[in-house]
Every structure is written in structure tokens, then in C-alpha cells.
Amino acid sequence: MAEAQLVADGAQPDHAYLTVTREPDGRYCVVYQHGGVSRRSYTSSLEQVIRQARRAGGIPINTDDGALRQRCVDESLTLL
């Protein structure tokens, strides 16, 4: 099984990353963050979240969602 890279707890990344939360209706809220800039989008697909991270150059993902965290580990994506 592949291992995701982890950034130390409390560390503030100085690069772009995605913050992903799960909405009550089951959709994922994906927020691209880089410095003071943020863009929000919604998707119902875990696959689309993974594709967004890869399209953006494999940027790290910050999430508490267990299914997404496991998928990041499986896909060798960086977790915050």
C-alpha cells in the first residue's frame, strides 16, 4: 500500500492546496487555496476531487473525510 506524505500538524503551508469537506447532502466542497486567493467548487464524486488535485500539479489535500484520506494514501497524494 502506498503511503501519503503528511505535513506536520499546525504547519501553515506556503503553497497551494485543496481543503475538502463533506456537505450534509453528501457532496464534497473543494476549496483551492493559495495565499489570500481561494476558489470554491462542489462535486459529488471522490474521483473528481482526486482529478482536481492531480490537474493542479498534485497539490496537497487538507481534509478530515476518512474515505478521501484513504484514497489519497492509495493514490500517493500528499495530505495536510
N, C-alpha and C. Protein backbone atom coordinates (compact mmCIF):
# COMPACT_ATOMS: atom_id res chain seq x y z
N MET A 1 0.85 -1.18 0.00
CA MET A 1 0.00 0.00 0.00
C MET A 1 0.89 1.24 0.00
N ALA A 2 0.55 2.19 -0.81
CA ALA A 2 1.32 3.44 -0.88
C ALA A 2 1.07 4.27 0.36
N GLU A 3 2.03 5.10 0.70
CA GLU A 3 1.87 5.97 1.86
C GLU A 3 1.77 7.42 1.40
N ALA A 4 0.80 8.13 1.92
CA ALA A 4 0.67 9.56 1.63
C ALA A 4 1.68 10.31 2.48
N GLN A 5 2.19 11.40 1.95
CA GLN A 5 3.07 12.26 2.73
C GLN A 5 2.19 13.09 3.65
N LEU A 6 2.67 13.33 4.86
CA LEU A 6 1.93 14.14 5.81
C LEU A 6 2.74 15.36 6.18
N VAL A 7 2.08 16.50 6.28
CA VAL A 7 2.70 17.74 6.74
C VAL A 7 2.40 17.85 8.23
N ALA A 8 3.38 18.32 9.01
CA ALA A 8 3.23 18.38 10.47
C ALA A 8 1.96 19.13 10.87
N ASP A 9 1.29 18.63 11.91
CA ASP A 9 0.09 19.28 12.43
C ASP A 9 0.38 20.73 12.78
N GLY A 10 -0.52 21.61 12.42
CA GLY A 10 -0.38 23.02 12.76
C GLY A 10 0.48 23.80 11.79
N ALA A 11 1.15 23.11 10.86
CA ALA A 11 2.00 23.82 9.91
C ALA A 11 1.12 24.52 8.88
N GLN A 12 1.43 25.76 8.59
CA GLN A 12 0.69 26.52 7.59
C GLN A 12 1.44 26.43 6.27
N PRO A 13 0.88 25.73 5.29
CA PRO A 13 1.57 25.61 4.01
C PRO A 13 1.67 26.96 3.32
N ASP A 14 2.81 27.21 2.68
CA ASP A 14 3.00 28.47 1.97
C ASP A 14 2.82 28.27 0.47
N HIS A 15 2.19 27.20 0.11
CA HIS A 15 1.94 26.86 -1.28
C HIS A 15 0.45 26.54 -1.47
N ALA A 16 0.08 26.29 -2.68
CA ALA A 16 -1.32 25.99 -2.98
C ALA A 16 -1.73 24.64 -2.40
N TYR A 17 -2.99 24.54 -2.00
CA TYR A 17 -3.53 23.27 -1.51
C TYR A 17 -5.04 23.29 -1.64
N LEU A 18 -5.65 22.12 -1.49
CA LEU A 18 -7.10 21.99 -1.50
C LEU A 18 -7.59 21.66 -0.10
N THR A 19 -8.63 22.36 0.34
CA THR A 19 -9.33 21.99 1.56
C THR A 19 -10.65 21.37 1.12
N VAL A 20 -10.89 20.14 1.57
CA VAL A 20 -12.08 19.41 1.12
C VAL A 20 -12.90 19.01 2.34
N THR A 21 -14.18 19.38 2.32
CA THR A 21 -15.11 19.00 3.38
C THR A 21 -16.30 18.29 2.76
N ARG A 22 -17.00 17.53 3.57
CA ARG A 22 -18.19 16.82 3.10
C ARG A 22 -19.42 17.58 3.55
N GLU A 23 -20.28 17.93 2.62
CA GLU A 23 -21.52 18.65 2.91
C GLU A 23 -22.57 17.67 3.44
N PRO A 24 -23.59 18.17 4.16
CA PRO A 24 -24.65 17.29 4.68
C PRO A 24 -25.38 16.50 3.58
N ASP A 25 -25.42 17.06 2.36
CA ASP A 25 -26.10 16.35 1.27
C ASP A 25 -25.19 15.34 0.57
N GLY A 26 -23.96 15.16 1.08
CA GLY A 26 -23.05 14.16 0.52
C GLY A 26 -22.04 14.70 -0.47
N ARG A 27 -22.25 15.91 -0.96
CA ARG A 27 -21.29 16.49 -1.91
C ARG A 27 -20.00 16.86 -1.20
N TYR A 28 -18.92 16.94 -1.98
CA TYR A 28 -17.65 17.44 -1.48
C TYR A 28 -17.54 18.92 -1.83
N CYS A 29 -17.16 19.74 -0.86
CA CYS A 29 -16.86 21.14 -1.09
C CYS A 29 -15.35 21.24 -1.20
N VAL A 30 -14.86 21.66 -2.36
CA VAL A 30 -13.43 21.72 -2.64
C VAL A 30 -13.03 23.18 -2.73
N VAL A 31 -12.12 23.60 -1.86
CA VAL A 31 -11.65 24.98 -1.85
C VAL A 31 -10.17 24.99 -2.21
N TYR A 32 -9.85 25.59 -3.36
CA TYR A 32 -8.46 25.80 -3.76
C TYR A 32 -7.96 27.01 -3.00
N GLN A 33 -6.84 26.87 -2.30
CA GLN A 33 -6.30 27.98 -1.53
C GLN A 33 -4.83 28.19 -1.87
N HIS A 34 -4.49 29.44 -2.11
CA HIS A 34 -3.10 29.82 -2.36
C HIS A 34 -2.92 31.25 -1.90
N GLY A 35 -2.21 31.42 -0.80
CA GLY A 35 -2.07 32.75 -0.23
C GLY A 35 -3.44 33.27 0.15
N GLY A 36 -3.77 34.47 -0.30
CA GLY A 36 -5.06 35.07 0.02
C GLY A 36 -6.15 34.74 -0.99
N VAL A 37 -5.84 33.89 -1.95
CA VAL A 37 -6.80 33.57 -3.01
C VAL A 37 -7.45 32.22 -2.71
N SER A 38 -8.78 32.17 -2.83
CA SER A 38 -9.47 30.89 -2.68
C SER A 38 -10.60 30.81 -3.70
N ARG A 39 -10.82 29.59 -4.20
CA ARG A 39 -11.92 29.33 -5.12
C ARG A 39 -12.64 28.08 -4.64
N ARG A 40 -13.95 28.13 -4.63
CA ARG A 40 -14.76 27.04 -4.09
C ARG A 40 -15.54 26.37 -5.23
N SER A 41 -15.59 25.04 -5.18
CA SER A 41 -16.42 24.28 -6.11
C SER A 41 -17.02 23.10 -5.36
N TYR A 42 -18.00 22.46 -5.98
CA TYR A 42 -18.68 21.32 -5.35
C TYR A 42 -18.71 20.16 -6.33
N THR A 43 -18.59 18.95 -5.80
CA THR A 43 -18.68 17.75 -6.62
C THR A 43 -19.25 16.62 -5.77
N SER A 44 -19.92 15.70 -6.41
CA SER A 44 -20.45 14.54 -5.69
C SER A 44 -19.52 13.34 -5.82
N SER A 45 -18.44 13.50 -6.56
CA SER A 45 -17.57 12.37 -6.87
C SER A 45 -16.20 12.49 -6.21
N LEU A 46 -15.82 11.46 -5.49
CA LEU A 46 -14.48 11.38 -4.91
C LEU A 46 -13.43 11.38 -6.02
N GLU A 47 -13.74 10.73 -7.13
CA GLU A 47 -12.83 10.69 -8.27
C GLU A 47 -12.53 12.10 -8.79
N GLN A 48 -13.54 12.96 -8.83
CA GLN A 48 -13.32 14.32 -9.32
C GLN A 48 -12.42 15.11 -8.38
N VAL A 49 -12.52 14.87 -7.08
CA VAL A 49 -11.63 15.54 -6.13
C VAL A 49 -10.19 15.14 -6.42
N ILE A 50 -9.96 13.84 -6.61
CA ILE A 50 -8.62 13.34 -6.91
C ILE A 50 -8.11 13.93 -8.22
N ARG A 51 -8.96 13.97 -9.24
CA ARG A 51 -8.56 14.54 -10.53
C ARG A 51 -8.21 16.02 -10.40
N GLN A 52 -8.98 16.77 -9.61
CA GLN A 52 -8.67 18.20 -9.41
C GLN A 52 -7.28 18.36 -8.81
N ALA A 53 -6.97 17.57 -7.80
CA ALA A 53 -5.65 17.66 -7.16
C ALA A 53 -4.55 17.32 -8.16
N ARG A 54 -4.75 16.30 -8.96
CA ARG A 54 -3.73 15.91 -9.96
C ARG A 54 -3.59 16.97 -11.05
N ARG A 55 -4.71 17.51 -11.55
CA ARG A 55 -4.65 18.55 -12.58
C ARG A 55 -3.92 19.79 -12.09
N ALA A 56 -4.02 20.05 -10.80
CA ALA A 56 -3.36 21.23 -10.23
C ALA A 56 -1.90 20.92 -9.87
N GLY A 57 -1.37 19.84 -10.38
CA GLY A 57 0.03 19.53 -10.15
C GLY A 57 0.28 18.65 -8.93
N GLY A 58 -0.75 17.95 -8.48
CA GLY A 58 -0.59 17.08 -7.31
C GLY A 58 -0.50 17.84 -6.01
N ILE A 59 -1.21 18.97 -5.93
CA ILE A 59 -1.15 19.79 -4.71
C ILE A 59 -1.74 19.03 -3.53
N PRO A 60 -1.29 19.36 -2.31
CA PRO A 60 -1.75 18.66 -1.11
C PRO A 60 -3.24 18.88 -0.85
N ILE A 61 -3.81 17.93 -0.10
CA ILE A 61 -5.22 17.98 0.27
C ILE A 61 -5.34 18.02 1.78
N ASN A 62 -6.14 18.96 2.27
CA ASN A 62 -6.45 19.07 3.69
C ASN A 62 -7.89 18.62 3.87
N THR A 63 -8.11 17.52 4.60
CA THR A 63 -9.46 17.01 4.80
C THR A 63 -9.53 16.16 6.06
N ASP A 64 -10.73 16.08 6.63
CA ASP A 64 -11.00 15.18 7.75
C ASP A 64 -11.83 13.99 7.29
N ASP A 65 -12.20 13.96 6.01
CA ASP A 65 -13.04 12.89 5.48
C ASP A 65 -12.23 11.60 5.36
N GLY A 66 -12.66 10.57 6.08
CA GLY A 66 -11.92 9.31 6.12
C GLY A 66 -11.76 8.64 4.78
N ALA A 67 -12.83 8.62 3.98
CA ALA A 67 -12.76 7.97 2.66
C ALA A 67 -11.78 8.70 1.75
N LEU A 68 -11.79 10.03 1.79
CA LEU A 68 -10.87 10.80 0.96
C LEU A 68 -9.43 10.63 1.44
N ARG A 69 -9.22 10.64 2.74
CA ARG A 69 -7.86 10.45 3.28
C ARG A 69 -7.31 9.09 2.83
N GLN A 70 -8.13 8.04 2.90
CA GLN A 70 -7.67 6.72 2.48
C GLN A 70 -7.36 6.70 1.00
N ARG A 71 -8.20 7.36 0.22
CA ARG A 71 -7.98 7.41 -1.23
C ARG A 71 -6.69 8.15 -1.56
N CYS A 72 -6.39 9.22 -0.81
CA CYS A 72 -5.13 9.95 -1.01
C CYS A 72 -3.94 9.05 -0.73
N VAL A 73 -4.04 8.24 0.32
CA VAL A 73 -2.97 7.28 0.63
C VAL A 73 -2.82 6.30 -0.52
N ASP A 74 -3.93 5.75 -0.99
CA ASP A 74 -3.90 4.78 -2.09
C ASP A 74 -3.32 5.38 -3.37
N GLU A 75 -3.58 6.67 -3.61
CA GLU A 75 -3.14 7.34 -4.83
C GLU A 75 -1.81 8.08 -4.66
N SER A 76 -1.19 7.95 -3.49
CA SER A 76 0.10 8.60 -3.19
C SER A 76 0.02 10.12 -3.30
N LEU A 77 -1.10 10.70 -2.88
CA LEU A 77 -1.24 12.15 -2.85
C LEU A 77 -0.86 12.67 -1.47
N THR A 78 -0.39 13.89 -1.40
CA THR A 78 0.05 14.49 -0.14
C THR A 78 -1.15 14.97 0.67
N LEU A 79 -1.15 14.62 1.96
CA LEU A 79 -2.18 15.08 2.89
C LEU A 79 -1.60 16.13 3.82
N LEU A 80 -2.42 17.10 4.19
CA LEU A 80 -2.02 18.08 5.21
C LEU A 80 -2.63 17.67 6.53
